[in-house]
Structures are given as structure tokens and as C-alpha cells.
Amino acid sequence: MKKLTTLLFAGLLAFNMNAQEDAKAKEILDKLSAKTKSYSSIKADFQYSMINKSDGLNETQTGKIEIKGNSYFLTIQGQDIISDGKTIWTHIKESEEVQINSVSEDDDEGISPNKIFTLYETGFKYKFVEEKNNIQTVNLYPKDPEAKAYHRISIMIDKVKQQITEVTMFGKDGTQSNYKIKSFTPNTAISDSHFTFNKSKYPSVEIIDLRD
């Protein structure tokens, strides 16, 4: 009887600890969401790394992103990727071509650039991990894991600034994709026209329309 009571107590303790951790994670993410939604726009410089030890993959790039609502302008690895929320223009500078695609509602492979700072809001369970030096870590687990190419996303949040400092996606194939925010500037005035490709600025580019 004593052993059974001990086991029941241990089980209840574990349940309560998980409940507290989930509640803490929710509190952190709710504060982060409220702060992020208060911004009219976001500009950020970041470092992107992709590592897969079994495949000998270890690549690092730097990039810049500007976000306004569902629109974004991403610059990375000789490309400008521009979206107004409905259409995506990928300007590959070296080959002087622009590929046009429609925005997909479902992106199972990775994180849509305009959602890097708000990806936690839908489709995830979450768990508080730790807090060190005012940096809070929360793990996200997809509610529909079979439909995703990753099994976990870890986000690190500056507790004082209420801003994401780092995001790491853990792929099912062993690949880790990491975004480390180097600078973060909110509420910069950005024209809506900035989020469409202006062909008149690049008259020599080839336009490849891949939309259905």
C-alpha cells in the first residue's frame, strides 16, 4: 500500500510539474505574441546555419529580412525573396532570373520567412525548458507531427526585450536549421511597394512564371 501511495504521489507530482511548465511556456509565448503584434514592421539581420553531422553538412550564411504583416523581403545567398502575402518573387541575381510562385498555405518543410517571429502561435504544443541570464527557452512540438519534416523547434527569447533571439528546427532526417538574430529593429516605415518585384529596376532579368 505504501509503495502504491508513493507511486501515485510521484505520478501526480510529475503531472503537476508538466502542467506548471506548460503554463509557464504559455505565459512566455503570450507575452511575446502581444509584444510582436504591437510592431508595425520588423527589420532583422540574422545568421542561418544548417548542420547534419551524418551527411557532413555544415553551412552558415548571413541574411536580412523585412516584415510587414504577411509581406516580407528576404535577402540571403545572392537571392532576394519577396512576397506581398499572395505572390513570391525569387530574384536569383547571378543567373539574372526571377521565379514567380503563389504563396502556399501549407509549408511542411520549413518556416515561412514572415512567420519566423510568430511561428509558435498556431499548430504547436509547447514546453518551458529553462531560463538563463534572462534568456528563456521554450520547445515547440507540432500537433500533427506526421505531416511535418521536423519533430521539434526550440526558440530562445530575451525576457527583458520580449524578442526572439534564436530559433532551431530539428528535422526528422537529423538536420538542424538555426536562425540566430544579430540585430532587430521594429516599427520602421516601409512602403507596401517594397514587397513586390519591380522589373523596371532589372530590365535584363528573365521572368519565369511557375504559378498554376
C-alpha atoms as a PDB file:
ATOM      1  CA  MET A   1       0.000   0.000   0.000  1.00  0.00           C
ATOM      2  CA  LYS A   2       2.834   2.354   0.890  1.00  0.00           C
ATOM      3  CA  LYS A   3       4.530   1.594  -2.425  1.00  0.00           C
ATOM      4  CA  LEU A   4       1.301   2.254  -4.328  1.00  0.00           C
ATOM      5  CA  THR A   5       0.814   5.551  -2.476  1.00  0.00           C
ATOM      6  CA  THR A   6       4.383   6.555  -3.314  1.00  0.00           C
ATOM      7  CA  LEU A   7       3.868   5.753  -6.992  1.00  0.00           C
ATOM      8  CA  LEU A   8       0.612   7.704  -7.090  1.00  0.00           C
ATOM      9  CA  PHE A   9       2.273  10.686  -5.423  1.00  0.00           C
ATOM     10  CA  ALA A  10       5.183  10.566  -7.870  1.00  0.00           C
ATOM     11  CA  GLY A  11       2.761  10.417 -10.794  1.00  0.00           C
ATOM     12  CA  LEU A  12       0.753  13.364  -9.522  1.00  0.00           C
ATOM     13  CA  LEU A  13       3.944  15.335  -8.902  1.00  0.00           C
ATOM     14  CA  ALA A  14       5.146  14.691 -12.450  1.00  0.00           C
ATOM     15  CA  PHE A  15       1.747  15.698 -13.837  1.00  0.00           C
ATOM     16  CA  ASN A  16       1.729  18.923 -11.805  1.00  0.00           C
ATOM     17  CA  MET A  17       5.280  19.775 -12.884  1.00  0.00           C
ATOM     18  CA  ASN A  18       4.361  19.309 -16.565  1.00  0.00           C
ATOM     19  CA  ALA A  19       1.212  21.374 -16.110  1.00  0.00           C
ATOM     20  CA  GLN A  20       3.233  24.156 -14.470  1.00  0.00           C
ATOM     21  CA  GLU A  21       5.843  24.056 -17.216  1.00  0.00           C
ATOM     22  CA  ASP A  22       3.170  24.239 -19.923  1.00  0.00           C
ATOM     23  CA  ALA A  23       1.502  27.138 -18.104  1.00  0.00           C
ATOM     24  CA  LYS A  24       4.847  28.929 -17.877  1.00  0.00           C
ATOM     25  CA  ALA A  25       5.524  28.335 -21.571  1.00  0.00           C
ATOM     26  CA  LYS A  26       2.089  29.721 -22.438  1.00  0.00           C
ATOM     27  CA  GLU A  27       2.685  32.812 -20.298  1.00  0.00           C
ATOM     28  CA  ILE A  28       6.035  33.445 -22.025  1.00  0.00           C
ATOM     29  CA  LEU A  29       4.603  32.954 -25.501  1.00  0.00           C
ATOM     30  CA  ASP A  30       1.529  35.092 -24.794  1.00  0.00           C
ATOM     31  CA  LYS A  31       3.740  37.998 -23.700  1.00  0.00           C
ATOM     32  CA  LEU A  32       5.972  37.515 -26.730  1.00  0.00           C
ATOM     33  CA  SER A  33       2.976  37.414 -29.072  1.00  0.00           C
ATOM     34  CA  ALA A  34       1.467  40.603 -27.639  1.00  0.00           C
ATOM     35  CA  LYS A  35       4.783  42.437 -27.992  1.00  0.00           C
ATOM     36  CA  THR A  36       5.413  41.211 -31.540  1.00  0.00           C
ATOM     37  CA  LYS A  37       1.896  42.119 -32.691  1.00  0.00           C
ATOM     38  CA  SER A  38       2.405  45.658 -31.437  1.00  0.00           C
ATOM     39  CA  TYR A  39       5.060  46.250 -34.114  1.00  0.00           C
ATOM     40  CA  SER A  40       4.020  47.801 -37.434  1.00  0.00           C
ATOM     41  CA  SER A  41       7.079  46.241 -39.088  1.00  0.00           C
ATOM     42  CA  ILE A  42      10.276  44.337 -38.301  1.00  0.00           C
ATOM     43  CA  LYS A  43      13.774  44.542 -39.762  1.00  0.00           C
ATOM     44  CA  ALA A  44      16.367  41.982 -38.710  1.00  0.00           C
ATOM     45  CA  ASP A  45      19.850  40.756 -39.602  1.00  0.00           C
ATOM     46  CA  PHE A  46      20.434  37.070 -38.918  1.00  0.00           C
ATOM     47  CA  GLN A  47      22.856  34.173 -39.246  1.00  0.00           C
ATOM     48  CA  TYR A  48      21.458  30.958 -40.705  1.00  0.00           C
ATOM     49  CA  SER A  49      23.186  27.618 -40.142  1.00  0.00           C
ATOM     50  CA  MET A  50      22.339  24.140 -41.403  1.00  0.00           C
ATOM     51  CA  ILE A  51      24.040  21.135 -39.825  1.00  0.00           C
ATOM     52  CA  ASN A  52      23.714  17.407 -40.455  1.00  0.00           C
ATOM     53  CA  LYS A  53      26.636  15.501 -38.941  1.00  0.00           C
ATOM     54  CA  SER A  54      25.859  12.171 -40.608  1.00  0.00           C
ATOM     55  CA  ASP A  55      25.859  13.837 -44.047  1.00  0.00           C
ATOM     56  CA  GLY A  56      28.879  16.032 -43.303  1.00  0.00           C
ATOM     57  CA  LEU A  57      26.755  19.143 -43.787  1.00  0.00           C
ATOM     58  CA  ASN A  58      27.804  22.342 -42.027  1.00  0.00           C
ATOM     59  CA  GLU A  59      26.829  25.572 -43.803  1.00  0.00           C
ATOM     60  CA  THR A  60      26.476  29.100 -42.477  1.00  0.00           C
ATOM     61  CA  GLN A  61      25.046  32.156 -44.232  1.00  0.00           C
ATOM     62  CA  THR A  62      24.028  35.650 -43.234  1.00  0.00           C
ATOM     63  CA  GLY A  63      20.871  37.385 -44.315  1.00  0.00           C
ATOM     64  CA  LYS A  64      18.463  40.258 -43.825  1.00  0.00           C
ATOM     65  CA  ILE A  65      14.688  40.295 -43.584  1.00  0.00           C
ATOM     66  CA  GLU A  66      11.992  42.952 -43.523  1.00  0.00           C
ATOM     67  CA  ILE A  67       8.460  42.008 -42.468  1.00  0.00           C
ATOM     68  CA  LYS A  68       5.210  43.941 -42.615  1.00  0.00           C
ATOM     69  CA  GLY A  69       2.050  41.961 -41.953  1.00  0.00           C
ATOM     70  CA  ASN A  70       2.052  38.970 -44.321  1.00  0.00           C
ATOM     71  CA  SER A  71       4.621  40.601 -46.616  1.00  0.00           C
ATOM     72  CA  TYR A  72       8.378  40.130 -46.454  1.00  0.00           C
ATOM     73  CA  PHE A  73      11.646  40.924 -48.241  1.00  0.00           C
ATOM     74  CA  LEU A  74      14.370  38.350 -47.549  1.00  0.00           C
ATOM     75  CA  THR A  75      17.960  38.681 -48.789  1.00  0.00           C
ATOM     76  CA  ILE A  76      20.223  35.626 -48.483  1.00  0.00           C
ATOM     77  CA  GLN A  77      22.893  33.819 -50.530  1.00  0.00           C
ATOM     78  CA  GLY A  78      22.713  36.025 -53.628  1.00  0.00           C
ATOM     79  CA  GLN A  79      18.916  35.976 -53.716  1.00  0.00           C
ATOM     80  CA  ASP A  80      16.116  38.377 -52.926  1.00  0.00           C
ATOM     81  CA  ILE A  81      12.911  36.573 -51.966  1.00  0.00           C
ATOM     82  CA  ILE A  82       9.989  38.993 -51.985  1.00  0.00           C
ATOM     83  CA  SER A  83       6.356  38.397 -51.105  1.00  0.00           C
ATOM     84  CA  ASP A  84       3.242  40.536 -50.776  1.00  0.00           C
ATOM     85  CA  GLY A  85       1.433  37.706 -48.999  1.00  0.00           C
ATOM     86  CA  LYS A  86      -0.059  36.280 -52.203  1.00  0.00           C
ATOM     87  CA  THR A  87       2.858  36.014 -54.635  1.00  0.00           C
ATOM     88  CA  ILE A  88       6.545  35.141 -54.136  1.00  0.00           C
ATOM     89  CA  TRP A  89       9.251  36.545 -56.417  1.00  0.00           C
ATOM     90  CA  THR A  90      12.661  34.856 -56.129  1.00  0.00           C
ATOM     91  CA  HIS A  91      15.340  37.014 -57.745  1.00  0.00           C
ATOM     92  CA  ILE A  92      18.443  34.901 -58.419  1.00  0.00           C
ATOM     93  CA  LYS A  93      20.990  37.594 -59.126  1.00  0.00           C
ATOM     94  CA  GLU A  94      23.831  35.505 -60.571  1.00  0.00           C
ATOM     95  CA  SER A  95      21.639  33.944 -63.263  1.00  0.00           C
ATOM     96  CA  GLU A  96      19.591  37.122 -63.763  1.00  0.00           C
ATOM     97  CA  GLU A  97      16.237  35.422 -63.428  1.00  0.00           C
ATOM     98  CA  VAL A  98      13.118  35.854 -61.358  1.00  0.00           C
ATOM     99  CA  GLN A  99      10.907  32.900 -60.488  1.00  0.00           C
ATOM    100  CA  ILE A 100       7.280  33.663 -59.607  1.00  0.00           C
ATOM    101  CA  ASN A 101       5.237  31.364 -57.369  1.00  0.00           C
ATOM    102  CA  SER A 102       1.984  31.616 -55.466  1.00  0.00           C
ATOM    103  CA  VAL A 103       2.163  31.578 -51.675  1.00  0.00           C
ATOM    104  CA  SER A 104       1.369  28.103 -50.363  1.00  0.00           C
ATOM    105  CA  GLU A 105      -0.907  27.786 -47.357  1.00  0.00           C
ATOM    106  CA  ASP A 106       0.941  24.678 -46.190  1.00  0.00           C
ATOM    107  CA  ASP A 107       4.693  24.708 -45.689  1.00  0.00           C
ATOM    108  CA  ASP A 108       5.690  21.389 -44.149  1.00  0.00           C
ATOM    109  CA  GLU A 109       9.383  21.625 -44.917  1.00  0.00           C
ATOM    110  CA  GLY A 110      10.374  24.741 -43.032  1.00  0.00           C
ATOM    111  CA  ILE A 111       9.470  28.124 -41.605  1.00  0.00           C
ATOM    112  CA  SER A 112       7.921  30.745 -43.848  1.00  0.00           C
ATOM    113  CA  PRO A 113      10.117  33.880 -43.588  1.00  0.00           C
ATOM    114  CA  ASN A 114       7.257  36.148 -42.498  1.00  0.00           C
ATOM    115  CA  LYS A 115       6.410  33.757 -39.651  1.00  0.00           C
ATOM    116  CA  ILE A 116       9.851  33.439 -38.100  1.00  0.00           C
ATOM    117  CA  PHE A 117       8.848  35.674 -35.166  1.00  0.00           C
ATOM    118  CA  THR A 118       5.292  34.317 -34.749  1.00  0.00           C
ATOM    119  CA  LEU A 119       5.561  30.643 -35.762  1.00  0.00           C
ATOM    120  CA  TYR A 120       4.628  29.466 -32.263  1.00  0.00           C
ATOM    121  CA  GLU A 121       1.095  30.893 -32.415  1.00  0.00           C
ATOM    122  CA  THR A 122      -0.693  28.008 -34.136  1.00  0.00           C
ATOM    123  CA  GLY A 123      -0.254  24.267 -34.615  1.00  0.00           C
ATOM    124  CA  PHE A 124       2.082  23.563 -31.707  1.00  0.00           C
ATOM    125  CA  LYS A 125       2.203  22.148 -28.222  1.00  0.00           C
ATOM    126  CA  TYR A 126       4.836  23.835 -26.088  1.00  0.00           C
ATOM    127  CA  LYS A 127       7.013  23.203 -23.059  1.00  0.00           C
ATOM    128  CA  PHE A 128       9.176  25.505 -20.964  1.00  0.00           C
ATOM    129  CA  VAL A 129      12.803  24.306 -20.884  1.00  0.00           C
ATOM    130  CA  GLU A 130      14.920  26.759 -18.890  1.00  0.00           C
ATOM    131  CA  GLU A 131      15.867  30.354 -18.165  1.00  0.00           C
ATOM    132  CA  LYS A 132      19.495  31.522 -18.122  1.00  0.00           C
ATOM    133  CA  ASN A 133      20.726  35.112 -17.988  1.00  0.00           C
ATOM    134  CA  ASN A 134      17.273  36.456 -18.911  1.00  0.00           C
ATOM    135  CA  ILE A 135      17.063  34.147 -21.946  1.00  0.00           C
ATOM    136  CA  GLN A 136      14.040  31.848 -21.832  1.00  0.00           C
ATOM    137  CA  THR A 137      13.940  28.640 -23.881  1.00  0.00           C
ATOM    138  CA  VAL A 138      10.670  27.050 -24.996  1.00  0.00           C
ATOM    139  CA  ASN A 139      10.303  23.898 -27.103  1.00  0.00           C
ATOM    140  CA  LEU A 140       7.537  23.621 -29.684  1.00  0.00           C
ATOM    141  CA  TYR A 141       6.145  20.259 -30.832  1.00  0.00           C
ATOM    142  CA  PRO A 142       3.859  20.070 -33.900  1.00  0.00           C
ATOM    143  CA  LYS A 143       0.344  18.872 -33.141  1.00  0.00           C
ATOM    144  CA  ASP A 144       0.387  16.977 -36.437  1.00  0.00           C
ATOM    145  CA  PRO A 145       3.943  15.534 -36.428  1.00  0.00           C
ATOM    146  CA  GLU A 146       3.308  13.082 -39.272  1.00  0.00           C
ATOM    147  CA  ALA A 147       2.686  15.991 -41.649  1.00  0.00           C
ATOM    148  CA  LYS A 148       5.921  17.805 -40.779  1.00  0.00           C
ATOM    149  CA  ALA A 149       9.537  17.286 -41.790  1.00  0.00           C
ATOM    150  CA  TYR A 150      10.671  18.263 -38.298  1.00  0.00           C
ATOM    151  CA  HIS A 151       9.841  16.961 -34.813  1.00  0.00           C
ATOM    152  CA  ARG A 152      10.774  19.929 -32.628  1.00  0.00           C
ATOM    153  CA  ILE A 153      11.503  23.648 -32.757  1.00  0.00           C
ATOM    154  CA  SER A 154      13.393  25.382 -29.966  1.00  0.00           C
ATOM    155  CA  ILE A 155      13.015  29.143 -29.524  1.00  0.00           C
ATOM    156  CA  MET A 156      15.075  31.414 -27.277  1.00  0.00           C
ATOM    157  CA  ILE A 157      13.502  34.638 -26.034  1.00  0.00           C
ATOM    158  CA  ASP A 158      15.034  37.727 -24.459  1.00  0.00           C
ATOM    159  CA  LYS A 159      12.925  38.113 -21.312  1.00  0.00           C
ATOM    160  CA  VAL A 160      13.634  41.848 -20.959  1.00  0.00           C
ATOM    161  CA  LYS A 161      13.119  42.876 -24.596  1.00  0.00           C
ATOM    162  CA  GLN A 162      10.399  40.278 -25.275  1.00  0.00           C
ATOM    163  CA  GLN A 163      12.061  39.363 -28.572  1.00  0.00           C
ATOM    164  CA  ILE A 164      13.150  36.083 -30.158  1.00  0.00           C
ATOM    165  CA  THR A 165      16.927  35.782 -30.278  1.00  0.00           C
ATOM    166  CA  GLU A 166      17.310  32.298 -31.776  1.00  0.00           C
ATOM    167  CA  VAL A 167      15.234  29.584 -33.458  1.00  0.00           C
ATOM    168  CA  THR A 168      16.403  26.000 -34.093  1.00  0.00           C
ATOM    169  CA  MET A 169      14.429  23.459 -36.116  1.00  0.00           C
ATOM    170  CA  PHE A 170      15.253  19.780 -35.553  1.00  0.00           C
ATOM    171  CA  GLY A 171      14.496  17.805 -38.710  1.00  0.00           C
ATOM    172  CA  LYS A 172      13.486  14.161 -38.762  1.00  0.00           C
ATOM    173  CA  ASP A 173      16.445  13.459 -41.064  1.00  0.00           C
ATOM    174  CA  GLY A 174      18.912  14.725 -38.451  1.00  0.00           C
ATOM    175  CA  THR A 175      19.323  18.196 -39.968  1.00  0.00           C
ATOM    176  CA  GLN A 176      19.377  21.161 -37.591  1.00  0.00           C
ATOM    177  CA  SER A 177      18.422  24.540 -39.048  1.00  0.00           C
ATOM    178  CA  ASN A 178      19.318  27.508 -36.859  1.00  0.00           C
ATOM    179  CA  TYR A 179      18.394  31.187 -37.145  1.00  0.00           C
ATOM    180  CA  LYS A 180      20.372  33.496 -34.830  1.00  0.00           C
ATOM    181  CA  ILE A 181      19.105  37.089 -34.732  1.00  0.00           C
ATOM    182  CA  LYS A 182      22.007  39.560 -34.874  1.00  0.00           C
ATOM    183  CA  SER A 183      20.009  42.800 -34.926  1.00  0.00           C
ATOM    184  CA  PHE A 184      16.320  43.582 -34.516  1.00  0.00           C
ATOM    185  CA  THR A 185      14.637  46.883 -35.422  1.00  0.00           C
ATOM    186  CA  PRO A 186      10.851  47.259 -35.097  1.00  0.00           C
ATOM    187  CA  ASN A 187       8.439  49.935 -36.364  1.00  0.00           C
ATOM    188  CA  THR A 188      10.382  51.181 -39.381  1.00  0.00           C
ATOM    189  CA  ALA A 189       8.304  52.863 -42.095  1.00  0.00           C
ATOM    190  CA  ILE A 190       8.281  50.555 -45.137  1.00  0.00           C
ATOM    191  CA  SER A 191       6.227  51.179 -48.284  1.00  0.00           C
ATOM    192  CA  ASP A 192       3.927  48.362 -49.472  1.00  0.00           C
ATOM    193  CA  SER A 193       5.552  48.620 -52.920  1.00  0.00           C
ATOM    194  CA  HIS A 194       8.790  47.357 -51.344  1.00  0.00           C
ATOM    195  CA  PHE A 195       7.197  43.902 -51.163  1.00  0.00           C
ATOM    196  CA  THR A 196       6.671  43.413 -54.899  1.00  0.00           C
ATOM    197  CA  PHE A 197       9.315  42.846 -57.566  1.00  0.00           C
ATOM    198  CA  ASN A 198       9.938  45.926 -59.697  1.00  0.00           C
ATOM    199  CA  LYS A 199      11.058  44.676 -63.132  1.00  0.00           C
ATOM    200  CA  SER A 200      11.852  48.195 -64.327  1.00  0.00           C
ATOM    201  CA  LYS A 201      14.851  48.184 -61.985  1.00  0.00           C
ATOM    202  CA  TYR A 202      16.158  44.982 -63.597  1.00  0.00           C
ATOM    203  CA  PRO A 203      15.256  45.164 -67.302  1.00  0.00           C
ATOM    204  CA  SER A 204      17.621  42.337 -68.290  1.00  0.00           C
ATOM    205  CA  VAL A 205      16.194  39.659 -65.954  1.00  0.00           C
ATOM    206  CA  GLU A 206      14.301  36.674 -67.301  1.00  0.00           C
ATOM    207  CA  ILE A 207      10.856  36.191 -65.761  1.00  0.00           C
ATOM    208  CA  ILE A 208       9.862  32.569 -65.119  1.00  0.00           C
ATOM    209  CA  ASP A 209       6.232  32.283 -64.018  1.00  0.00           C
ATOM    210  CA  LEU A 210       5.721  28.984 -62.169  1.00  0.00           C
ATOM    211  CA  ARG A 211       2.183  29.673 -60.966  1.00  0.00           C
ATOM    212  CA  ASP A 212      -0.586  27.255 -61.973  1.00  0.00           C
END
